[in-house]
């Protein structure tokens, strides 16, 4: 089983998000990388003969693998979709936000409500079955994930993501998050799912591959 290599933090500070906040947040991400690697190492030799659904070392390792590995992946997506300039949604995703939420403003209102309601994460995702965009709420790394969806924009609302700068003012943190969204990165995540032969976007579901 391969070992994970942490990705570097692509910036030292952002408008409204201090260097100290981002550095401490990144340390937590490194912890998830290290813990995932530790779990994978233990899985090489764990006793599978005693595996059961009540309690067994194998069950516990596989359960915590979902928490640690999702902690890695979600943080990489979160750090990766920050660093943009303050501006509204642009590019391909803007069309789909308008189509699926009525307007980009309506999407933003819903995503902000998601950010105020979630205990862990808010995710704008493409559902690969109904081919529309959805805002999904995760209360923990491994609680609330929807299968067959592609995450496009990830928001971390655990207290560690904002408490150093904002205390209990989560709304102020959400203002900073929205001001730093890298919409080009969101579009890069969306484009692999778009049909290469699609014409100018129309209000139908045939635009996806």
N, C-alpha and C. Protein backbone atom coordinates (compact mmCIF):
# COMPACT_ATOMS: atom_id res chain seq x y z
N UNK A 1 0.85 -1.19 0.00
CA UNK A 1 0.00 0.00 0.00
C UNK A 1 0.89 1.24 0.00
N UNK A 2 0.67 2.12 -0.97
CA UNK A 2 1.50 3.32 -1.10
C UNK A 2 1.29 4.25 0.08
N UNK A 3 2.24 5.15 0.27
CA UNK A 3 2.14 6.15 1.33
C UNK A 3 1.85 7.52 0.72
N UNK A 4 1.09 8.33 1.45
CA UNK A 4 0.74 9.67 0.97
C UNK A 4 1.90 10.63 1.17
N UNK A 5 2.02 11.56 0.25
CA UNK A 5 2.96 12.67 0.38
C UNK A 5 2.15 13.96 0.49
N UNK A 6 2.35 14.76 1.53
CA UNK A 6 1.55 15.98 1.69
C UNK A 6 1.81 16.98 0.58
N UNK A 7 0.76 17.68 0.20
CA UNK A 7 0.88 18.76 -0.78
C UNK A 7 1.25 20.04 -0.04
N UNK A 8 2.08 20.88 -0.64
CA UNK A 8 2.45 22.13 0.03
C UNK A 8 1.27 23.10 0.06
N UNK A 9 1.26 23.95 1.06
CA UNK A 9 0.26 25.01 1.12
C UNK A 9 0.61 26.03 0.04
N UNK A 10 -0.32 26.35 -0.86
CA UNK A 10 0.02 27.18 -2.02
C UNK A 10 0.12 28.68 -1.74
N UNK A 11 -0.04 29.12 -0.50
CA UNK A 11 0.04 30.54 -0.16
C UNK A 11 0.40 30.65 1.31
N UNK A 12 0.86 31.81 1.72
CA UNK A 12 1.22 32.01 3.12
C UNK A 12 0.12 32.75 3.89
N UNK A 13 -0.62 33.58 3.21
CA UNK A 13 -1.76 34.26 3.82
C UNK A 13 -2.71 34.66 2.70
N UNK A 14 -3.94 34.97 3.08
CA UNK A 14 -4.96 35.39 2.13
C UNK A 14 -5.74 36.55 2.75
N UNK A 15 -6.39 37.39 1.95
CA UNK A 15 -7.19 38.46 2.51
C UNK A 15 -8.25 37.92 3.48
N UNK A 16 -8.16 38.33 4.72
CA UNK A 16 -9.11 37.89 5.73
C UNK A 16 -8.76 36.59 6.40
N UNK A 17 -7.68 35.93 5.96
CA UNK A 17 -7.23 34.66 6.55
C UNK A 17 -5.74 34.80 6.83
N UNK A 18 -5.39 34.89 8.10
CA UNK A 18 -4.03 35.24 8.48
C UNK A 18 -3.06 34.09 8.24
N UNK A 19 -1.78 34.44 8.21
CA UNK A 19 -0.73 33.44 8.06
C UNK A 19 -0.77 32.45 9.21
N UNK A 20 -1.00 32.93 10.43
CA UNK A 20 -1.05 32.02 11.57
C UNK A 20 -2.20 31.03 11.44
N UNK A 21 -3.38 31.52 11.06
CA UNK A 21 -4.53 30.64 10.89
C UNK A 21 -4.25 29.56 9.86
N UNK A 22 -3.74 29.97 8.70
CA UNK A 22 -3.49 29.01 7.63
C UNK A 22 -2.39 28.03 8.01
N UNK A 23 -1.37 28.50 8.70
CA UNK A 23 -0.28 27.61 9.11
C UNK A 23 -0.77 26.56 10.09
N UNK A 24 -1.55 26.97 11.09
CA UNK A 24 -2.08 26.02 12.05
C UNK A 24 -3.05 25.04 11.39
N UNK A 25 -3.86 25.55 10.48
CA UNK A 25 -4.80 24.69 9.75
C UNK A 25 -4.04 23.65 8.92
N UNK A 26 -2.98 24.08 8.28
CA UNK A 26 -2.17 23.18 7.46
C UNK A 26 -1.54 22.08 8.32
N UNK A 27 -1.16 22.42 9.56
CA UNK A 27 -0.60 21.40 10.46
C UNK A 27 -1.61 20.29 10.72
N UNK A 28 -2.88 20.64 10.83
CA UNK A 28 -3.91 19.61 11.02
C UNK A 28 -4.00 18.71 9.80
N UNK A 29 -3.90 19.30 8.63
CA UNK A 29 -3.88 18.51 7.40
C UNK A 29 -2.71 17.54 7.41
N UNK A 30 -1.52 18.01 7.80
CA UNK A 30 -0.36 17.12 7.88
C UNK A 30 -0.62 15.97 8.85
N UNK A 31 -1.35 16.25 9.92
CA UNK A 31 -1.69 15.20 10.87
C UNK A 31 -2.54 14.11 10.23
N UNK A 32 -3.46 14.50 9.37
CA UNK A 32 -4.29 13.51 8.68
C UNK A 32 -3.46 12.69 7.68
N UNK A 33 -2.51 13.33 7.03
CA UNK A 33 -1.62 12.60 6.13
C UNK A 33 -0.85 11.55 6.92
N UNK A 34 -0.26 11.96 8.04
CA UNK A 34 0.54 11.04 8.85
C UNK A 34 -0.32 9.91 9.41
N UNK A 35 -1.53 10.25 9.86
CA UNK A 35 -2.39 9.22 10.43
C UNK A 35 -2.85 8.22 9.36
N UNK A 36 -3.15 8.71 8.18
CA UNK A 36 -3.51 7.80 7.09
C UNK A 36 -2.37 6.84 6.78
N UNK A 37 -1.17 7.37 6.69
CA UNK A 37 0.00 6.51 6.44
C UNK A 37 0.20 5.49 7.55
N UNK A 38 -0.02 5.90 8.79
CA UNK A 38 0.11 4.98 9.91
C UNK A 38 -0.93 3.86 9.82
N UNK A 39 -2.17 4.23 9.52
CA UNK A 39 -3.23 3.23 9.39
C UNK A 39 -2.91 2.25 8.27
N UNK A 40 -2.44 2.77 7.14
CA UNK A 40 -2.11 1.88 6.02
C UNK A 40 -0.98 0.92 6.38
N UNK A 41 -0.04 1.40 7.16
CA UNK A 41 1.06 0.53 7.60
C UNK A 41 0.53 -0.58 8.50
N UNK A 42 -0.37 -0.24 9.42
CA UNK A 42 -0.92 -1.23 10.33
C UNK A 42 -1.81 -2.24 9.60
N UNK A 43 -2.47 -1.79 8.53
CA UNK A 43 -3.33 -2.69 7.78
C UNK A 43 -2.55 -3.79 7.06
N UNK A 44 -1.27 -3.59 6.86
CA UNK A 44 -0.49 -4.62 6.19
C UNK A 44 -0.42 -5.90 7.01
N UNK A 45 -0.45 -5.77 8.33
CA UNK A 45 -0.22 -6.94 9.18
C UNK A 45 -1.36 -7.23 10.14
N UNK A 46 -2.43 -6.44 10.12
CA UNK A 46 -3.51 -6.65 11.08
C UNK A 46 -4.14 -8.03 10.86
N UNK A 47 -4.61 -8.63 11.93
CA UNK A 47 -5.23 -9.95 11.88
C UNK A 47 -6.62 -9.85 11.25
N UNK A 48 -6.79 -10.45 10.10
CA UNK A 48 -8.09 -10.46 9.43
C UNK A 48 -8.95 -11.64 9.85
N UNK A 49 -8.39 -12.60 10.51
CA UNK A 49 -9.14 -13.78 10.94
C UNK A 49 -10.12 -13.45 12.05
N UNK A 50 -9.83 -12.40 12.81
CA UNK A 50 -10.71 -12.03 13.92
C UNK A 50 -11.67 -10.90 13.56
N UNK A 51 -11.75 -10.52 12.29
CA UNK A 51 -12.60 -9.40 11.86
C UNK A 51 -14.06 -9.68 12.16
N UNK A 52 -14.75 -8.69 12.74
CA UNK A 52 -16.18 -8.81 12.99
C UNK A 52 -16.75 -7.40 13.14
N UNK A 53 -18.09 -7.30 13.12
CA UNK A 53 -18.74 -5.99 13.09
C UNK A 53 -18.95 -5.39 14.48
N UNK A 54 -18.68 -6.16 15.55
CA UNK A 54 -18.82 -5.62 16.90
C UNK A 54 -17.57 -4.85 17.29
N UNK A 55 -16.47 -5.54 17.31
CA UNK A 55 -15.18 -4.88 17.50
C UNK A 55 -14.09 -5.83 17.03
N UNK A 56 -13.16 -5.26 16.28
CA UNK A 56 -11.94 -5.98 15.93
C UNK A 56 -10.93 -4.94 15.48
N UNK A 57 -9.65 -5.20 15.66
CA UNK A 57 -8.64 -4.25 15.19
C UNK A 57 -8.79 -3.92 13.71
N UNK A 58 -9.16 -4.91 12.91
CA UNK A 58 -9.33 -4.65 11.47
C UNK A 58 -10.47 -3.66 11.24
N UNK A 59 -11.61 -3.89 11.91
CA UNK A 59 -12.74 -2.97 11.75
C UNK A 59 -12.37 -1.55 12.14
N UNK A 60 -11.69 -1.39 13.26
CA UNK A 60 -11.34 -0.05 13.74
C UNK A 60 -10.40 0.66 12.78
N UNK A 61 -9.45 -0.07 12.25
CA UNK A 61 -8.53 0.55 11.28
C UNK A 61 -9.26 0.97 10.02
N UNK A 62 -10.16 0.12 9.52
CA UNK A 62 -10.89 0.46 8.29
C UNK A 62 -11.85 1.61 8.53
N UNK A 63 -12.45 1.68 9.72
CA UNK A 63 -13.34 2.79 10.02
C UNK A 63 -12.57 4.10 10.11
N UNK A 64 -11.46 4.10 10.83
CA UNK A 64 -10.68 5.33 10.98
C UNK A 64 -9.96 5.71 9.69
N UNK A 65 -9.75 4.75 8.81
CA UNK A 65 -9.19 5.07 7.50
C UNK A 65 -10.10 6.04 6.75
N UNK A 66 -11.43 5.83 6.84
CA UNK A 66 -12.35 6.72 6.14
C UNK A 66 -12.27 8.14 6.69
N UNK A 67 -12.08 8.27 8.01
CA UNK A 67 -12.01 9.60 8.62
C UNK A 67 -10.70 10.29 8.26
N UNK A 68 -9.60 9.58 8.40
CA UNK A 68 -8.29 10.19 8.15
C UNK A 68 -8.10 10.51 6.67
N UNK A 69 -8.43 9.57 5.80
CA UNK A 69 -8.21 9.79 4.37
C UNK A 69 -9.12 10.87 3.82
N UNK A 70 -10.38 10.90 4.26
CA UNK A 70 -11.25 12.00 3.85
C UNK A 70 -10.74 13.33 4.40
N UNK A 71 -10.14 13.29 5.60
CA UNK A 71 -9.53 14.51 6.14
C UNK A 71 -8.43 15.03 5.24
N UNK A 72 -7.67 14.14 4.64
CA UNK A 72 -6.63 14.53 3.68
C UNK A 72 -7.27 15.12 2.43
N UNK A 73 -8.17 14.37 1.84
CA UNK A 73 -8.73 14.77 0.54
C UNK A 73 -9.54 16.06 0.64
N UNK A 74 -10.36 16.19 1.68
CA UNK A 74 -11.17 17.39 1.82
C UNK A 74 -10.31 18.63 2.06
N UNK A 75 -9.26 18.49 2.87
CA UNK A 75 -8.38 19.64 3.09
C UNK A 75 -7.63 20.02 1.82
N UNK A 76 -7.21 19.05 1.03
CA UNK A 76 -6.52 19.38 -0.22
C UNK A 76 -7.46 20.11 -1.17
N UNK A 77 -8.71 19.69 -1.22
CA UNK A 77 -9.69 20.39 -2.06
C UNK A 77 -9.95 21.80 -1.53
N UNK A 78 -10.07 21.92 -0.20
CA UNK A 78 -10.33 23.22 0.43
C UNK A 78 -9.19 24.19 0.16
N UNK A 79 -7.97 23.79 0.49
CA UNK A 79 -6.83 24.69 0.24
C UNK A 79 -6.70 25.00 -1.25
N UNK A 80 -7.01 24.02 -2.09
CA UNK A 80 -6.86 24.20 -3.53
C UNK A 80 -7.86 25.14 -4.15
N UNK A 81 -9.06 25.29 -3.52
CA UNK A 81 -10.04 26.20 -4.14
C UNK A 81 -10.05 27.59 -3.51
N UNK A 82 -8.99 27.90 -2.74
CA UNK A 82 -8.79 29.26 -2.25
C UNK A 82 -7.62 29.89 -3.00
N UNK A 83 -7.51 31.20 -2.89
CA UNK A 83 -6.43 31.91 -3.55
C UNK A 83 -6.87 32.73 -4.74
N UNK A 84 -8.18 32.80 -4.97
CA UNK A 84 -8.69 33.61 -6.07
C UNK A 84 -8.89 35.05 -5.65
N UNK A 85 -9.32 35.85 -6.60
CA UNK A 85 -9.62 37.26 -6.31
C UNK A 85 -11.10 37.41 -6.06
N UNK A 86 -11.44 38.40 -5.28
CA UNK A 86 -12.83 38.62 -4.89
C UNK A 86 -13.67 38.88 -6.14
N UNK A 87 -14.60 38.00 -6.40
CA UNK A 87 -15.46 38.17 -7.57
C UNK A 87 -16.53 37.11 -7.61
N UNK A 88 -17.56 37.31 -8.43
CA UNK A 88 -18.66 36.35 -8.51
C UNK A 88 -18.23 35.10 -9.28
N UNK A 89 -19.03 34.05 -9.23
CA UNK A 89 -18.72 32.86 -10.02
C UNK A 89 -18.55 33.21 -11.49
N UNK A 90 -17.58 32.55 -12.12
CA UNK A 90 -17.30 32.84 -13.53
C UNK A 90 -17.01 31.54 -14.26
N UNK A 91 -16.97 31.61 -15.57
CA UNK A 91 -16.67 30.43 -16.36
C UNK A 91 -17.85 29.47 -16.43
N UNK A 92 -17.54 28.21 -16.75
CA UNK A 92 -18.59 27.23 -16.96
C UNK A 92 -19.48 27.03 -15.75
N UNK A 93 -18.89 27.04 -14.56
CA UNK A 93 -19.69 26.76 -13.37
C UNK A 93 -20.77 27.82 -13.16
N UNK A 94 -20.52 29.05 -13.62
CA UNK A 94 -21.51 30.10 -13.47
C UNK A 94 -22.81 29.74 -14.18
N UNK A 95 -22.69 29.17 -15.40
CA UNK A 95 -23.88 28.76 -16.14
C UNK A 95 -24.68 27.72 -15.36
N UNK A 96 -23.98 26.73 -14.82
CA UNK A 96 -24.68 25.63 -14.14
C UNK A 96 -25.26 26.07 -12.80
N UNK A 97 -24.60 27.01 -12.12
CA UNK A 97 -25.18 27.55 -10.89
C UNK A 97 -26.49 28.28 -11.20
N UNK A 98 -26.49 29.04 -12.30
CA UNK A 98 -27.72 29.73 -12.69
C UNK A 98 -28.80 28.74 -13.09
N UNK A 99 -28.41 27.71 -13.83
CA UNK A 99 -29.39 26.73 -14.27
C UNK A 99 -30.00 25.95 -13.10
N UNK A 100 -29.14 25.53 -12.16
CA UNK A 100 -29.59 24.59 -11.12
C UNK A 100 -30.08 25.27 -9.85
N UNK A 101 -29.70 26.54 -9.63
CA UNK A 101 -30.13 27.25 -8.42
C UNK A 101 -30.99 28.47 -8.74
N UNK A 102 -31.12 28.80 -10.00
CA UNK A 102 -31.91 29.96 -10.41
C UNK A 102 -31.08 31.19 -10.67
N UNK A 103 -30.00 31.37 -9.92
CA UNK A 103 -29.07 32.47 -10.12
C UNK A 103 -27.84 32.18 -9.28
N UNK A 104 -26.73 32.85 -9.59
CA UNK A 104 -25.54 32.67 -8.77
C UNK A 104 -25.76 33.24 -7.37
N UNK A 105 -26.59 34.27 -7.28
CA UNK A 105 -26.89 34.86 -5.97
C UNK A 105 -27.69 33.88 -5.11
N UNK A 106 -28.64 33.17 -5.74
CA UNK A 106 -29.42 32.18 -4.99
C UNK A 106 -28.53 31.04 -4.52
N UNK A 107 -27.59 30.63 -5.39
CA UNK A 107 -26.64 29.59 -4.96
C UNK A 107 -25.84 30.08 -3.76
N UNK A 108 -25.33 31.31 -3.83
CA UNK A 108 -24.48 31.84 -2.75
C UNK A 108 -25.26 31.92 -1.44
N UNK A 109 -26.52 32.31 -1.49
CA UNK A 109 -27.33 32.36 -0.27
C UNK A 109 -27.47 30.96 0.33
N UNK A 110 -27.70 29.98 -0.53
CA UNK A 110 -27.86 28.61 -0.04
C UNK A 110 -26.54 28.07 0.50
N UNK A 111 -25.45 28.37 -0.17
CA UNK A 111 -24.15 27.86 0.28
C UNK A 111 -23.74 28.52 1.60
N UNK A 112 -24.07 29.79 1.76
CA UNK A 112 -23.78 30.46 3.03
C UNK A 112 -24.62 29.83 4.15
N UNK A 113 -25.89 29.55 3.89
CA UNK A 113 -26.72 28.88 4.88
C UNK A 113 -26.14 27.51 5.23
N UNK A 114 -25.62 26.83 4.22
CA UNK A 114 -24.95 25.54 4.44
C UNK A 114 -23.76 25.72 5.37
N UNK A 115 -22.97 26.77 5.11
CA UNK A 115 -21.80 27.03 5.93
C UNK A 115 -22.13 27.37 7.36
N UNK A 116 -23.29 27.97 7.59
CA UNK A 116 -23.71 28.29 8.95
C UNK A 116 -24.33 27.09 9.65
N UNK A 117 -24.74 26.09 8.88
CA UNK A 117 -25.45 24.95 9.44
C UNK A 117 -24.57 23.73 9.65
N UNK A 118 -23.54 23.55 8.84
CA UNK A 118 -22.72 22.35 8.90
C UNK A 118 -21.82 22.37 10.14
N UNK A 119 -21.50 21.19 10.64
CA UNK A 119 -20.55 21.07 11.74
C UNK A 119 -19.15 20.75 11.23
N UNK A 120 -19.05 20.41 9.94
CA UNK A 120 -17.75 20.05 9.40
C UNK A 120 -17.44 20.68 8.05
N UNK A 121 -18.25 20.34 7.05
CA UNK A 121 -17.93 20.74 5.68
C UNK A 121 -19.18 21.12 4.89
N UNK A 122 -19.01 22.05 3.95
CA UNK A 122 -20.00 22.32 2.93
C UNK A 122 -19.37 22.04 1.58
N UNK A 123 -20.12 21.37 0.70
CA UNK A 123 -19.55 20.98 -0.59
C UNK A 123 -20.54 21.28 -1.71
N UNK A 124 -20.07 22.03 -2.70
CA UNK A 124 -20.77 22.16 -3.97
C UNK A 124 -20.28 21.01 -4.85
N UNK A 125 -21.21 20.16 -5.29
CA UNK A 125 -20.81 18.96 -6.02
C UNK A 125 -21.69 18.74 -7.23
N UNK A 126 -21.13 18.07 -8.21
CA UNK A 126 -21.88 17.61 -9.37
C UNK A 126 -22.35 16.19 -9.10
N UNK A 127 -23.66 15.97 -9.17
CA UNK A 127 -24.20 14.62 -9.05
C UNK A 127 -24.08 13.94 -10.42
N UNK A 128 -23.37 12.84 -10.47
CA UNK A 128 -23.09 12.17 -11.74
C UNK A 128 -24.30 11.41 -12.27
N UNK A 129 -25.35 11.28 -11.46
CA UNK A 129 -26.56 10.60 -11.91
C UNK A 129 -27.60 11.58 -12.45
N UNK A 130 -27.94 12.61 -11.66
CA UNK A 130 -28.95 13.55 -12.16
C UNK A 130 -28.31 14.71 -12.93
N UNK A 131 -26.97 14.78 -12.95
CA UNK A 131 -26.21 15.74 -13.76
C UNK A 131 -26.56 17.18 -13.42
N UNK A 132 -26.77 17.43 -12.15
CA UNK A 132 -27.00 18.79 -11.68
C UNK A 132 -26.09 19.06 -10.49
N UNK A 133 -25.93 20.34 -10.17
CA UNK A 133 -25.12 20.75 -9.03
C UNK A 133 -25.97 20.78 -7.76
N UNK A 134 -25.34 20.38 -6.65
CA UNK A 134 -26.01 20.35 -5.35
C UNK A 134 -25.07 20.91 -4.29
N UNK A 135 -25.64 21.51 -3.26
CA UNK A 135 -24.89 21.85 -2.05
C UNK A 135 -25.15 20.76 -1.01
N UNK A 136 -24.08 20.11 -0.56
CA UNK A 136 -24.20 19.02 0.40
C UNK A 136 -23.53 19.39 1.72
N UNK A 137 -24.09 18.89 2.83
CA UNK A 137 -23.59 19.15 4.18
C UNK A 137 -22.96 17.89 4.74
N UNK A 138 -21.75 18.02 5.26
CA UNK A 138 -21.08 16.94 5.98
C UNK A 138 -20.84 17.39 7.41
N UNK A 139 -21.30 16.59 8.37
CA UNK A 139 -21.06 16.93 9.77
C UNK A 139 -19.71 16.43 10.25
N UNK A 140 -19.08 15.54 9.51
CA UNK A 140 -17.73 15.06 9.81
C UNK A 140 -17.12 14.56 8.51
N UNK A 141 -15.82 14.29 8.53
CA UNK A 141 -15.15 13.85 7.31
C UNK A 141 -15.86 12.68 6.66
N UNK A 142 -16.36 11.77 7.48
CA UNK A 142 -16.96 10.54 6.96
C UNK A 142 -18.44 10.42 7.33
N UNK A 143 -19.10 11.55 7.51
CA UNK A 143 -20.53 11.55 7.83
C UNK A 143 -21.24 12.51 6.88
N UNK A 144 -22.04 11.98 5.97
CA UNK A 144 -22.84 12.82 5.08
C UNK A 144 -22.39 12.82 3.65
N UNK A 145 -21.33 12.10 3.32
CA UNK A 145 -20.85 12.06 1.94
C UNK A 145 -21.85 11.37 1.03
N UNK A 146 -22.03 11.90 -0.17
CA UNK A 146 -22.96 11.34 -1.15
C UNK A 146 -22.15 10.64 -2.23
N UNK A 147 -22.48 9.39 -2.50
CA UNK A 147 -21.76 8.63 -3.50
C UNK A 147 -22.07 9.14 -4.91
N UNK A 148 -21.16 8.88 -5.83
CA UNK A 148 -21.28 9.26 -7.25
C UNK A 148 -21.52 10.76 -7.40
N UNK A 149 -20.75 11.53 -6.66
CA UNK A 149 -20.73 12.98 -6.84
C UNK A 149 -19.28 13.43 -6.98
N UNK A 150 -19.09 14.54 -7.66
CA UNK A 150 -17.75 15.10 -7.86
C UNK A 150 -17.68 16.44 -7.14
N UNK A 151 -16.84 16.58 -6.11
CA UNK A 151 -16.74 17.84 -5.38
C UNK A 151 -16.10 18.93 -6.25
N UNK A 152 -16.73 20.08 -6.30
CA UNK A 152 -16.23 21.20 -7.08
C UNK A 152 -15.70 22.33 -6.20
N UNK A 153 -16.38 22.58 -5.09
CA UNK A 153 -15.99 23.64 -4.16
C UNK A 153 -16.18 23.11 -2.75
N UNK A 154 -15.13 23.19 -1.93
CA UNK A 154 -15.17 22.64 -0.58
C UNK A 154 -14.92 23.74 0.43
N UNK A 155 -15.79 23.80 1.44
CA UNK A 155 -15.72 24.78 2.53
C UNK A 155 -15.53 24.04 3.84
N UNK A 156 -14.51 24.40 4.59
CA UNK A 156 -14.25 23.84 5.92
C UNK A 156 -14.86 24.77 6.95
N UNK A 157 -15.78 24.25 7.77
CA UNK A 157 -16.37 25.07 8.82
C UNK A 157 -16.14 24.49 10.22
N UNK A 158 -15.22 23.53 10.33
CA UNK A 158 -14.76 23.18 11.67
C UNK A 158 -14.16 24.45 12.31
N UNK A 159 -14.25 24.55 13.64
CA UNK A 159 -13.77 25.75 14.31
C UNK A 159 -12.31 26.06 14.01
N UNK A 160 -11.50 25.02 13.80
CA UNK A 160 -10.08 25.28 13.55
C UNK A 160 -9.85 26.07 12.27
N UNK A 161 -10.84 26.08 11.36
CA UNK A 161 -10.69 26.77 10.09
C UNK A 161 -10.80 28.29 10.23
N UNK A 162 -11.34 28.76 11.38
CA UNK A 162 -11.57 30.20 11.47
C UNK A 162 -11.37 30.80 12.86
N UNK A 163 -11.28 29.97 13.93
CA UNK A 163 -11.38 30.50 15.29
C UNK A 163 -10.25 31.46 15.64
N UNK A 164 -9.04 31.22 15.14
CA UNK A 164 -7.92 32.09 15.46
C UNK A 164 -8.19 33.52 15.00
N UNK A 165 -8.78 33.67 13.84
CA UNK A 165 -9.04 35.00 13.28
C UNK A 165 -10.41 35.56 13.66
N UNK A 166 -11.41 34.69 13.81
CA UNK A 166 -12.78 35.16 13.91
C UNK A 166 -13.50 34.76 15.20
N UNK A 167 -12.85 33.98 16.05
CA UNK A 167 -13.56 33.54 17.24
C UNK A 167 -14.82 32.79 16.86
N UNK A 168 -15.95 33.19 17.46
CA UNK A 168 -17.21 32.53 17.14
C UNK A 168 -17.95 33.19 15.97
N UNK A 169 -17.34 34.16 15.33
CA UNK A 169 -17.97 34.88 14.22
C UNK A 169 -17.80 34.10 12.92
N UNK A 170 -18.55 33.03 12.79
CA UNK A 170 -18.43 32.21 11.58
C UNK A 170 -18.86 32.98 10.34
N UNK A 171 -19.82 33.88 10.47
CA UNK A 171 -20.29 34.66 9.33
C UNK A 171 -19.15 35.49 8.73
N UNK A 172 -18.32 36.08 9.61
CA UNK A 172 -17.18 36.84 9.11
C UNK A 172 -16.21 35.96 8.35
N UNK A 173 -15.99 34.76 8.84
CA UNK A 173 -15.13 33.80 8.14
C UNK A 173 -15.72 33.45 6.77
N UNK A 174 -17.03 33.27 6.69
CA UNK A 174 -17.66 32.96 5.41
C UNK A 174 -17.47 34.10 4.42
N UNK A 175 -17.52 35.34 4.89
CA UNK A 175 -17.23 36.48 4.02
C UNK A 175 -15.84 36.34 3.41
N UNK A 176 -14.86 35.99 4.24
CA UNK A 176 -13.49 35.83 3.77
C UNK A 176 -13.38 34.66 2.81
N UNK A 177 -14.07 33.57 3.11
CA UNK A 177 -14.03 32.41 2.21
C UNK A 177 -14.54 32.78 0.83
N UNK A 178 -15.72 33.40 0.78
CA UNK A 178 -16.30 33.76 -0.51
C UNK A 178 -15.38 34.71 -1.27
N UNK A 179 -14.70 35.61 -0.57
CA UNK A 179 -13.82 36.58 -1.23
C UNK A 179 -12.56 35.93 -1.80
N UNK A 180 -12.26 34.70 -1.39
CA UNK A 180 -11.03 34.03 -1.81
C UNK A 180 -11.24 32.82 -2.70
N UNK A 181 -12.48 32.57 -3.13
CA UNK A 181 -12.73 31.41 -3.98
C UNK A 181 -12.01 31.57 -5.31
N UNK A 182 -11.29 30.53 -5.70
CA UNK A 182 -10.62 30.48 -7.00
C UNK A 182 -11.57 29.79 -7.98
N UNK A 183 -12.35 30.58 -8.71
CA UNK A 183 -13.36 30.02 -9.60
C UNK A 183 -12.74 29.27 -10.77
N UNK A 184 -11.54 29.64 -11.16
CA UNK A 184 -10.89 28.89 -12.23
C UNK A 184 -10.57 27.47 -11.77
N UNK A 185 -10.18 27.30 -10.50
CA UNK A 185 -9.95 25.96 -9.97
C UNK A 185 -11.26 25.17 -9.93
N UNK A 186 -12.34 25.81 -9.56
CA UNK A 186 -13.65 25.14 -9.56
C UNK A 186 -13.97 24.67 -10.98
N UNK A 187 -13.72 25.51 -11.96
CA UNK A 187 -13.98 25.13 -13.35
C UNK A 187 -13.08 23.99 -13.80
N UNK A 188 -11.83 23.98 -13.36
CA UNK A 188 -10.94 22.87 -13.72
C UNK A 188 -11.48 21.54 -13.19
N UNK A 189 -12.09 21.57 -12.03
CA UNK A 189 -12.67 20.35 -11.47
C UNK A 189 -13.92 19.93 -12.22
N UNK A 190 -14.64 20.89 -12.77
CA UNK A 190 -15.87 20.61 -13.50
C UNK A 190 -15.62 20.11 -14.92
N UNK A 191 -14.62 20.65 -15.59
CA UNK A 191 -14.45 20.41 -17.03
C UNK A 191 -14.33 18.95 -17.43
N UNK A 192 -13.67 18.08 -16.66
CA UNK A 192 -13.59 16.69 -17.10
C UNK A 192 -14.94 16.01 -17.28
N UNK A 193 -15.99 16.57 -16.70
CA UNK A 193 -17.31 15.96 -16.78
C UNK A 193 -18.17 16.57 -17.89
N UNK A 194 -17.63 17.56 -18.59
CA UNK A 194 -18.38 18.20 -19.66
C UNK A 194 -18.16 17.47 -20.97
N UNK A 195 -19.21 17.33 -21.76
CA UNK A 195 -19.11 16.65 -23.05
C UNK A 195 -18.27 17.48 -24.01
N UNK A 196 -17.26 16.86 -24.60
CA UNK A 196 -16.39 17.60 -25.51
C UNK A 196 -17.13 18.09 -26.75
N UNK A 197 -18.19 17.38 -27.12
CA UNK A 197 -18.92 17.74 -28.34
C UNK A 197 -20.09 18.67 -28.07
N UNK A 198 -20.24 19.10 -26.81
CA UNK A 198 -21.40 19.92 -26.47
C UNK A 198 -21.33 21.29 -27.14
N UNK A 199 -22.46 21.78 -27.67
CA UNK A 199 -22.50 23.12 -28.26
C UNK A 199 -22.56 24.17 -27.18
N UNK A 200 -22.91 25.37 -27.56
CA UNK A 200 -23.12 26.44 -26.58
C UNK A 200 -24.12 25.95 -25.55
N UNK A 201 -23.88 26.17 -24.24
CA UNK A 201 -24.78 25.64 -23.21
C UNK A 201 -26.23 26.03 -23.43
N UNK A 202 -27.11 25.08 -23.24
CA UNK A 202 -28.55 25.32 -23.28
C UNK A 202 -29.16 24.75 -22.01
N UNK A 203 -30.39 25.08 -21.74
CA UNK A 203 -31.01 24.66 -20.50
C UNK A 203 -31.51 23.22 -20.59
N UNK A 204 -30.57 22.31 -20.80
CA UNK A 204 -30.92 20.89 -20.77
C UNK A 204 -29.79 20.15 -20.05
N UNK A 205 -29.89 18.85 -19.94
CA UNK A 205 -28.89 18.08 -19.19
C UNK A 205 -27.93 17.36 -20.11
N UNK A 206 -27.90 17.73 -21.39
CA UNK A 206 -27.03 17.03 -22.34
C UNK A 206 -25.64 17.60 -22.43
N UNK A 207 -25.34 18.58 -21.56
CA UNK A 207 -24.05 19.23 -21.63
C UNK A 207 -22.97 18.40 -20.96
N UNK A 208 -23.36 17.43 -20.14
CA UNK A 208 -22.41 16.60 -19.45
C UNK A 208 -22.11 15.34 -20.24
N UNK A 209 -20.87 14.88 -20.15
CA UNK A 209 -20.47 13.67 -20.87
C UNK A 209 -21.18 12.46 -20.29
